[in-house]
Amino acid sequence: MNRTLTGFLGFIGGLIAGYCAILFGWVAYTNIADVSDMGGGKAMGVAFLFAPLGGVVAGAICSILLVRLFGGAKGASA
């Protein structure tokens, strides 16, 4: 598989997995710890700020790891 495609698919997969892990982790934490969020401000902060940032970081890490593991030889033509 091409290195660029491997990196792109790794980034998209890591982005989705990282976003979901942080968002559902927050939901699980609030249910277990019985955190009150009547206005929804904390949940919006997680959903629109922290989860996307975590998704981008997870996507970058996943992309780098997949290219190193499955990227193929450098300079190989498709």
N, C-alpha and C. Protein backbone atom coordinates (compact mmCIF):
# COMPACT_ATOMS: atom_id res chain seq x y z
N MET A 1 0.85 -1.16 0.00
CA MET A 1 0.00 0.00 0.00
C MET A 1 0.90 1.24 0.00
N ASN A 2 0.46 2.25 -0.65
CA ASN A 2 1.20 3.50 -0.76
C ASN A 2 1.35 4.16 0.62
N ARG A 3 2.51 4.78 0.86
CA ARG A 3 2.77 5.42 2.15
C ARG A 3 1.78 6.55 2.43
N THR A 4 1.42 7.30 1.41
CA THR A 4 0.50 8.42 1.60
C THR A 4 -0.89 7.91 1.98
N LEU A 5 -1.35 6.89 1.31
CA LEU A 5 -2.66 6.32 1.62
C LEU A 5 -2.66 5.69 3.01
N THR A 6 -1.58 5.02 3.37
CA THR A 6 -1.47 4.44 4.70
C THR A 6 -1.53 5.52 5.77
N GLY A 7 -0.81 6.61 5.55
CA GLY A 7 -0.82 7.71 6.51
C GLY A 7 -2.19 8.36 6.61
N PHE A 8 -2.84 8.55 5.47
CA PHE A 8 -4.17 9.18 5.47
C PHE A 8 -5.19 8.31 6.19
N LEU A 9 -5.22 7.03 5.86
CA LEU A 9 -6.17 6.13 6.52
C LEU A 9 -5.88 5.98 8.00
N GLY A 10 -4.60 5.98 8.36
CA GLY A 10 -4.23 5.93 9.77
C GLY A 10 -4.68 7.17 10.51
N PHE A 11 -4.54 8.33 9.87
CA PHE A 11 -4.96 9.57 10.51
C PHE A 11 -6.48 9.59 10.71
N ILE A 12 -7.22 9.21 9.70
CA ILE A 12 -8.69 9.21 9.81
C ILE A 12 -9.15 8.23 10.88
N GLY A 13 -8.57 7.04 10.88
CA GLY A 13 -8.93 6.04 11.90
C GLY A 13 -8.58 6.50 13.30
N GLY A 14 -7.39 7.07 13.47
CA GLY A 14 -6.99 7.57 14.78
C GLY A 14 -7.82 8.76 15.22
N LEU A 15 -8.19 9.61 14.27
CA LEU A 15 -9.03 10.76 14.58
C LEU A 15 -10.39 10.32 15.13
N ILE A 16 -11.01 9.39 14.47
CA ILE A 16 -12.32 8.90 14.90
C ILE A 16 -12.21 8.17 16.23
N ALA A 17 -11.21 7.29 16.35
CA ALA A 17 -11.04 6.53 17.60
C ALA A 17 -10.70 7.44 18.77
N GLY A 18 -9.83 8.41 18.56
CA GLY A 18 -9.46 9.33 19.64
C GLY A 18 -10.62 10.19 20.09
N TYR A 19 -11.38 10.71 19.13
CA TYR A 19 -12.54 11.53 19.46
C TYR A 19 -13.55 10.72 20.28
N CYS A 20 -13.86 9.54 19.79
CA CYS A 20 -14.84 8.69 20.49
C CYS A 20 -14.35 8.28 21.87
N ALA A 21 -13.07 7.95 22.00
CA ALA A 21 -12.53 7.54 23.29
C ALA A 21 -12.63 8.66 24.32
N ILE A 22 -12.30 9.88 23.94
CA ILE A 22 -12.37 10.99 24.89
C ILE A 22 -13.81 11.35 25.21
N LEU A 23 -14.65 11.39 24.20
CA LEU A 23 -16.05 11.77 24.43
C LEU A 23 -16.77 10.73 25.29
N PHE A 24 -16.65 9.46 24.94
CA PHE A 24 -17.34 8.42 25.72
C PHE A 24 -16.66 8.20 27.07
N GLY A 25 -15.37 8.48 27.15
CA GLY A 25 -14.69 8.44 28.44
C GLY A 25 -15.24 9.50 29.38
N TRP A 26 -15.50 10.69 28.85
CA TRP A 26 -16.09 11.76 29.65
C TRP A 26 -17.49 11.38 30.11
N VAL A 27 -18.28 10.81 29.22
CA VAL A 27 -19.64 10.40 29.58
C VAL A 27 -19.60 9.33 30.67
N ALA A 28 -18.70 8.37 30.52
CA ALA A 28 -18.57 7.32 31.53
C ALA A 28 -18.12 7.90 32.87
N TYR A 29 -17.16 8.82 32.82
CA TYR A 29 -16.68 9.46 34.06
C TYR A 29 -17.79 10.21 34.76
N THR A 30 -18.58 10.98 34.02
CA THR A 30 -19.64 11.75 34.66
C THR A 30 -20.72 10.84 35.25
N ASN A 31 -20.96 9.70 34.63
CA ASN A 31 -21.94 8.77 35.19
C ASN A 31 -21.41 8.07 36.43
N ILE A 32 -20.14 7.69 36.42
CA ILE A 32 -19.56 6.98 37.56
C ILE A 32 -19.37 7.93 38.74
N ALA A 33 -18.83 9.13 38.48
CA ALA A 33 -18.54 10.07 39.55
C ALA A 33 -19.73 10.96 39.92
N ASP A 34 -20.85 10.81 39.24
CA ASP A 34 -22.06 11.58 39.48
C ASP A 34 -21.79 13.09 39.42
N VAL A 35 -21.20 13.51 38.30
CA VAL A 35 -20.89 14.93 38.07
C VAL A 35 -22.15 15.62 37.55
N SER A 36 -22.50 16.74 38.16
CA SER A 36 -23.68 17.50 37.75
C SER A 36 -23.29 18.51 36.67
N ASP A 37 -24.04 18.52 35.58
CA ASP A 37 -23.80 19.46 34.47
C ASP A 37 -25.16 19.88 33.91
N MET A 38 -25.87 20.67 34.69
CA MET A 38 -27.24 21.03 34.31
C MET A 38 -27.30 21.83 33.01
N GLY A 39 -26.40 22.77 32.82
CA GLY A 39 -26.43 23.61 31.63
C GLY A 39 -25.79 22.96 30.42
N GLY A 40 -24.99 21.94 30.63
CA GLY A 40 -24.34 21.26 29.52
C GLY A 40 -23.04 21.91 29.08
N GLY A 41 -22.53 22.86 29.82
CA GLY A 41 -21.31 23.57 29.44
C GLY A 41 -20.09 22.67 29.44
N LYS A 42 -19.99 21.81 30.44
CA LYS A 42 -18.85 20.90 30.51
C LYS A 42 -18.88 19.91 29.34
N ALA A 43 -20.05 19.38 29.06
CA ALA A 43 -20.18 18.42 27.97
C ALA A 43 -19.87 19.08 26.62
N MET A 44 -20.30 20.33 26.45
CA MET A 44 -19.99 21.04 25.20
C MET A 44 -18.51 21.33 25.09
N GLY A 45 -17.88 21.64 26.20
CA GLY A 45 -16.44 21.87 26.19
C GLY A 45 -15.68 20.62 25.78
N VAL A 46 -16.12 19.49 26.28
CA VAL A 46 -15.46 18.24 25.91
C VAL A 46 -15.77 17.89 24.45
N ALA A 47 -17.03 18.02 24.04
CA ALA A 47 -17.43 17.60 22.70
C ALA A 47 -16.85 18.49 21.60
N PHE A 48 -16.69 19.79 21.88
CA PHE A 48 -16.26 20.70 20.83
C PHE A 48 -14.84 21.22 20.97
N LEU A 49 -14.15 20.93 22.09
CA LEU A 49 -12.78 21.39 22.25
C LEU A 49 -11.82 20.25 22.54
N PHE A 50 -12.03 19.56 23.65
CA PHE A 50 -11.06 18.56 24.08
C PHE A 50 -11.09 17.29 23.24
N ALA A 51 -12.26 16.81 22.87
CA ALA A 51 -12.34 15.60 22.05
C ALA A 51 -11.76 15.80 20.65
N PRO A 52 -12.04 16.91 19.95
CA PRO A 52 -11.39 17.11 18.65
C PRO A 52 -9.87 17.25 18.76
N LEU A 53 -9.39 17.96 19.79
CA LEU A 53 -7.94 18.08 19.96
C LEU A 53 -7.31 16.72 20.24
N GLY A 54 -7.94 15.94 21.07
CA GLY A 54 -7.44 14.59 21.35
C GLY A 54 -7.51 13.70 20.12
N GLY A 55 -8.54 13.89 19.30
CA GLY A 55 -8.65 13.13 18.07
C GLY A 55 -7.54 13.45 17.09
N VAL A 56 -7.18 14.72 16.98
CA VAL A 56 -6.09 15.12 16.08
C VAL A 56 -4.76 14.55 16.56
N VAL A 57 -4.53 14.60 17.86
CA VAL A 57 -3.28 14.03 18.41
C VAL A 57 -3.25 12.52 18.19
N ALA A 58 -4.35 11.84 18.47
CA ALA A 58 -4.40 10.40 18.26
C ALA A 58 -4.26 10.06 16.77
N GLY A 59 -4.85 10.86 15.91
CA GLY A 59 -4.72 10.63 14.48
C GLY A 59 -3.29 10.78 13.99
N ALA A 60 -2.59 11.80 14.49
CA ALA A 60 -1.20 11.99 14.10
C ALA A 60 -0.33 10.84 14.58
N ILE A 61 -0.54 10.41 15.81
CA ILE A 61 0.25 9.29 16.34
C ILE A 61 -0.04 8.02 15.56
N CYS A 62 -1.29 7.74 15.31
CA CYS A 62 -1.67 6.54 14.55
C CYS A 62 -1.12 6.58 13.14
N SER A 63 -1.16 7.73 12.50
CA SER A 63 -0.64 7.88 11.15
C SER A 63 0.86 7.58 11.11
N ILE A 64 1.61 8.15 12.03
CA ILE A 64 3.05 7.93 12.07
C ILE A 64 3.37 6.47 12.32
N LEU A 65 2.67 5.85 13.26
CA LEU A 65 2.93 4.45 13.56
C LEU A 65 2.61 3.53 12.39
N LEU A 66 1.48 3.78 11.73
CA LEU A 66 1.11 2.92 10.61
C LEU A 66 2.05 3.08 9.42
N VAL A 67 2.51 4.29 9.16
CA VAL A 67 3.45 4.49 8.06
C VAL A 67 4.77 3.79 8.36
N ARG A 68 5.21 3.85 9.62
CA ARG A 68 6.45 3.16 9.98
C ARG A 68 6.31 1.65 9.91
N LEU A 69 5.15 1.13 10.28
CA LEU A 69 4.97 -0.32 10.30
C LEU A 69 4.60 -0.90 8.93
N PHE A 70 3.66 -0.26 8.23
CA PHE A 70 3.11 -0.84 7.01
C PHE A 70 3.28 0.04 5.78
N GLY A 71 4.16 1.01 5.81
CA GLY A 71 4.27 1.97 4.73
C GLY A 71 4.95 1.45 3.48
N GLY A 72 5.65 0.37 3.56
CA GLY A 72 6.37 -0.13 2.39
C GLY A 72 7.72 0.53 2.27
N ALA A 73 8.41 0.19 1.21
CA ALA A 73 9.77 0.71 0.98
C ALA A 73 9.72 2.14 0.50
N LYS A 74 10.73 2.92 0.88
CA LYS A 74 10.80 4.30 0.42
C LYS A 74 11.17 4.30 -1.06
N GLY A 75 10.52 5.16 -1.79
CA GLY A 75 10.81 5.31 -3.19
C GLY A 75 10.22 4.24 -4.09
N ALA A 76 9.43 3.36 -3.53
CA ALA A 76 8.80 2.31 -4.33
C ALA A 76 7.66 2.91 -5.14
N SER A 77 7.58 2.58 -6.38
CA SER A 77 6.50 3.09 -7.21
C SER A 77 5.26 2.22 -7.06
N ALA A 78 4.09 2.84 -7.23
CA ALA A 78 2.85 2.11 -7.03
C ALA A 78 2.51 1.29 -8.20
